[in-house]
Structures are given as C-alpha cells and as structure tokens.
C-alpha cells in the first residue's frame, strides 16, 4: 500500500497519508483503493455514499452520528484546511468520551477513517474548505444526532480563537451524558 498509516489517541481512528507522485505538471495519488483499505485499515468495509461539503472560515459542523444505520466515514479535504475531530461514543469502550483531532488540508492530503460508533465534526481554519467523505451507510435524517461541540466533559481543544458558526441543529446538540450512545 502506497500510504503511511498513523493511529490516533483513539486506536480505531486512523490517519491515512497517501504517497504522492508529482512533478512540474502537478501531482497524482490514489485517494482510495478498496483492496488496500481492507488489508491495511479495516476489512469488510463497503462504502455506500460519497458526500461533498463546502464551508466558510469558522463554520463548525458536528459532532454528528447516526444512532441507527451508524456510518463509518473516510474524510479528506480537497480545498483549504479543517481541524477534524472524532469522539468515541461506544459506552462499552475504555475510551468512551475521549476524542482525537487532526488537521486535514488540501496541502497535506491526509485522510481520516472514522469507524461507526464515533461522533464526527470539524471546524474550518482556512478562508473556505471543501471536504469529501465516503460513508458506509446512507444518511437517515431521523437517526442523526448531534453532540455539543463544546461539551466540557469531552473537553475538545479546538484550535480556534473565535465563536464558530453553527447550524441550528448543531447549536441544539446535547451533552454526551444526555446523548444516545452505542453499546
């Protein structure tokens, strides 16, 4: 596999850095290879949907998850930079309520694998950012949940010095203690 894998503070969450070939014409890299992903990251994963979001500086999306039809996500940034966060919401996990964060950018070409059972979100650090992410299940709005981005019991250290821009849904997120969890 022509990538470098790095575990995060949550061992199931993996940062994937592809090998990039480039010259004066530009660059090329494989952004996804099913066989390699199965062999080196997690076997048996089947992606069902591709999503593309574009957000302005200061937008914070998340922390999202689906209580039924849980989604694994393979996230990357193709324009700009974000601070990407994953929170373990599996009640039986020894890392329940713990988080990990990584900067993803068009420049560093990193991707992050967020397995089912984790909440996910990001804040945009550049003027704008475009994120692409694959999901292992379809989006079911009736099953979507949101944990407050600034829940003090989770204690995410967002690298921001401003009040983020939130959707109404995300502003109405609940604390982890009041959220529905995975077993």
Protein backbone atom coordinates (compact mmCIF):
# COMPACT_ATOMS: atom_id res chain seq x y z
CA UNK A 1 0.00 0.00 0.00
CA UNK A 2 1.44 3.34 -1.02
CA UNK A 3 0.37 5.16 2.15
CA UNK A 4 1.52 5.84 5.67
CA UNK A 5 -0.93 4.97 8.48
CA UNK A 6 -0.90 6.67 11.87
CA UNK A 7 -3.06 5.71 14.84
CA UNK A 8 -4.63 8.49 16.84
CA UNK A 9 -5.48 8.76 20.54
CA UNK A 10 -8.41 6.53 19.54
CA UNK A 11 -6.73 3.44 18.03
CA UNK A 12 -9.67 2.63 15.74
CA UNK A 13 -9.43 6.08 14.16
CA UNK A 14 -6.63 6.08 11.60
CA UNK A 15 -4.92 8.90 9.72
CA UNK A 16 -4.04 7.87 6.17
CA UNK A 17 -1.32 9.74 4.27
CA UNK A 18 -1.02 8.71 0.62
CA UNK A 19 2.15 8.53 -1.39
CA UNK A 20 2.01 11.39 -3.88
CA UNK A 21 3.80 11.43 -7.23
CA UNK A 22 4.44 14.90 -8.55
CA UNK A 23 6.50 16.94 -10.94
CA UNK A 24 6.26 20.27 -12.78
CA UNK A 25 2.94 19.19 -14.31
CA UNK A 26 1.20 18.60 -10.98
CA UNK A 27 0.58 15.52 -8.85
CA UNK A 28 -1.19 12.17 -8.73
CA UNK A 29 -2.20 9.89 -5.89
CA UNK A 30 -4.68 7.11 -5.25
CA UNK A 31 -7.26 8.60 -2.90
CA UNK A 32 -8.94 5.25 -2.29
CA UNK A 33 -8.19 1.62 -3.09
CA UNK A 34 -10.68 -0.92 -1.70
CA UNK A 35 -8.23 -3.82 -1.59
CA UNK A 36 -5.56 -1.79 0.24
CA UNK A 37 -8.10 -0.24 2.63
CA UNK A 38 -9.39 -3.72 3.53
CA UNK A 39 -5.89 -5.09 4.03
CA UNK A 40 -4.32 -2.19 5.96
CA UNK A 41 -7.12 -0.19 7.62
CA UNK A 42 -10.27 -2.25 8.18
CA UNK A 43 -11.55 -5.36 6.42
CA UNK A 44 -15.13 -5.70 5.26
CA UNK A 45 -15.90 -2.00 4.83
CA UNK A 46 -18.28 -1.19 1.99
CA UNK A 47 -18.87 2.46 1.15
CA UNK A 48 -22.42 3.39 0.15
CA UNK A 49 -22.37 7.16 -0.39
CA UNK A 50 -19.95 9.98 -1.26
CA UNK A 51 -20.55 13.44 0.22
CA UNK A 52 -19.03 16.83 -0.61
CA UNK A 53 -19.33 19.87 1.66
CA UNK A 54 -18.08 23.41 1.22
CA UNK A 55 -17.87 25.69 4.24
CA UNK A 56 -16.59 29.18 5.04
CA UNK A 57 -13.96 30.03 7.67
CA UNK A 58 -15.25 29.49 11.18
CA UNK A 59 -18.00 27.03 10.27
CA UNK A 60 -18.14 24.11 12.69
CA UNK A 61 -20.05 21.03 11.59
CA UNK A 62 -20.79 18.37 14.18
CA UNK A 63 -20.41 16.45 16.27
CA UNK A 64 -22.63 14.15 14.18
CA UNK A 65 -23.52 10.48 14.28
CA UNK A 66 -26.45 8.22 13.42
CA UNK A 67 -27.88 6.12 16.26
CA UNK A 68 -29.28 3.58 13.78
CA UNK A 69 -27.58 2.92 10.46
CA UNK A 70 -24.28 4.03 12.00
CA UNK A 71 -21.89 5.45 9.44
CA UNK A 72 -18.18 4.93 9.11
CA UNK A 73 -16.58 7.88 7.31
CA UNK A 74 -13.42 8.29 5.27
CA UNK A 75 -12.82 12.06 5.28
CA UNK A 76 -10.43 14.22 3.25
CA UNK A 77 -10.09 17.89 2.32
CA UNK A 78 -9.56 18.96 -1.30
CA UNK A 79 -9.53 22.72 -0.70
CA UNK A 80 -8.49 24.61 2.43
CA UNK A 81 -7.88 23.28 5.93
CA UNK A 82 -10.01 21.92 8.76
CA UNK A 83 -9.46 20.61 12.26
CA UNK A 84 -11.22 17.24 12.18
CA UNK A 85 -12.47 15.66 15.42
CA UNK A 86 -13.69 12.19 16.37
CA UNK A 87 -15.29 11.26 19.72
CA UNK A 88 -15.72 7.68 20.96
CA UNK A 89 -19.39 7.26 21.93
CA UNK A 90 -19.34 3.49 22.50
CA UNK A 91 -20.50 3.05 26.10
CA UNK A 92 -18.55 -0.21 26.50
CA UNK A 93 -15.29 1.30 25.25
CA UNK A 94 -12.49 2.12 27.71
CA UNK A 95 -12.09 5.32 25.69
CA UNK A 96 -15.77 6.37 25.92
CA UNK A 97 -15.99 10.17 25.73
CA UNK A 98 -12.37 10.58 24.60
CA UNK A 99 -11.55 12.49 21.43
CA UNK A 100 -8.86 12.80 18.80
CA UNK A 101 -8.21 15.63 16.38
CA UNK A 102 -6.12 16.08 13.26
CA UNK A 103 -5.61 18.86 10.73
CA UNK A 104 -6.70 17.83 7.27
CA UNK A 105 -5.87 20.02 4.30
CA UNK A 106 -5.58 20.04 0.55
CA UNK A 107 -1.86 20.53 1.10
CA UNK A 108 -1.18 17.59 3.46
CA UNK A 109 -3.66 15.28 1.65
CA UNK A 110 -4.32 13.36 4.86
CA UNK A 111 -7.49 11.36 5.27
CA UNK A 112 -9.06 10.12 8.47
CA UNK A 113 -11.01 6.89 8.94
CA UNK A 114 -13.85 7.34 11.45
CA UNK A 115 -15.47 3.95 12.16
CA UNK A 116 -19.12 3.51 13.17
CA UNK A 117 -19.63 4.19 16.89
CA UNK A 118 -17.89 7.55 16.84
CA UNK A 119 -19.23 11.11 16.57
CA UNK A 120 -17.51 13.31 13.99
CA UNK A 121 -17.11 17.01 13.29
CA UNK A 122 -14.75 19.67 12.01
CA UNK A 123 -14.10 23.39 12.08
CA UNK A 124 -12.83 25.31 9.05
CA UNK A 125 -9.48 27.07 9.66
CA UNK A 126 -8.90 28.50 6.16
CA UNK A 127 -10.99 31.05 4.22
CA UNK A 128 -13.08 28.13 2.97
CA UNK A 129 -12.77 24.36 2.82
CA UNK A 130 -14.17 21.59 0.70
CA UNK A 131 -14.44 18.17 2.31
CA UNK A 132 -15.11 14.89 0.55
CA UNK A 133 -16.13 11.88 2.55
CA UNK A 134 -17.28 8.37 1.90
CA UNK A 135 -19.85 6.78 4.23
CA UNK A 136 -20.58 3.14 4.99
CA UNK A 137 -24.33 3.70 5.16
CA UNK A 138 -26.85 6.12 3.75
CA UNK A 139 -27.92 9.28 5.55
CA UNK A 140 -31.13 8.86 7.53
CA UNK A 141 -32.11 12.25 8.98
CA UNK A 142 -34.45 10.62 11.51
CA UNK A 143 -31.48 8.78 13.05
CA UNK A 144 -28.98 11.65 13.01
CA UNK A 145 -27.87 13.01 16.37
CA UNK A 146 -25.55 15.82 17.41
CA UNK A 147 -23.35 16.22 20.50
CA UNK A 148 -22.44 19.75 21.57
CA UNK A 149 -19.12 20.81 20.08
CA UNK A 150 -18.07 22.41 23.39
CA UNK A 151 -19.30 19.82 25.89
CA UNK A 152 -16.92 20.35 28.82
CA UNK A 153 -16.98 16.65 29.76
CA UNK A 154 -15.48 15.79 26.36
CA UNK A 155 -13.11 18.77 26.51
CA UNK A 156 -12.14 19.10 22.85
CA UNK A 157 -9.28 21.55 22.40
CA UNK A 158 -10.44 23.29 19.23
CA UNK A 159 -7.58 25.39 17.77
CA UNK A 160 -9.76 28.48 17.38
CA UNK A 161 -9.92 31.92 18.95
CA UNK A 162 -13.40 32.79 17.67
CA UNK A 163 -17.00 31.72 18.22
CA UNK A 164 -17.74 29.16 15.48
CA UNK A 165 -20.67 29.39 13.08
CA UNK A 166 -23.14 26.57 13.81
CA UNK A 167 -26.29 25.28 12.17
CA UNK A 168 -29.44 25.36 14.29
CA UNK A 169 -29.23 21.58 14.59
CA UNK A 170 -25.65 21.68 15.87
CA UNK A 171 -26.35 24.56 18.26
CA UNK A 172 -29.13 22.39 19.72
CA UNK A 173 -26.81 19.41 20.20
CA UNK A 174 -26.82 17.65 23.56
CA UNK A 175 -24.11 16.89 26.07
CA UNK A 176 -22.51 13.47 25.83
CA UNK A 177 -24.10 12.48 29.16
CA UNK A 178 -27.56 13.10 27.66
CA UNK A 179 -26.85 11.65 24.21
CA UNK A 180 -27.86 8.28 22.86
CA UNK A 181 -24.78 6.04 22.78
CA UNK A 182 -23.62 2.86 21.15
CA UNK A 183 -23.06 -0.18 23.35
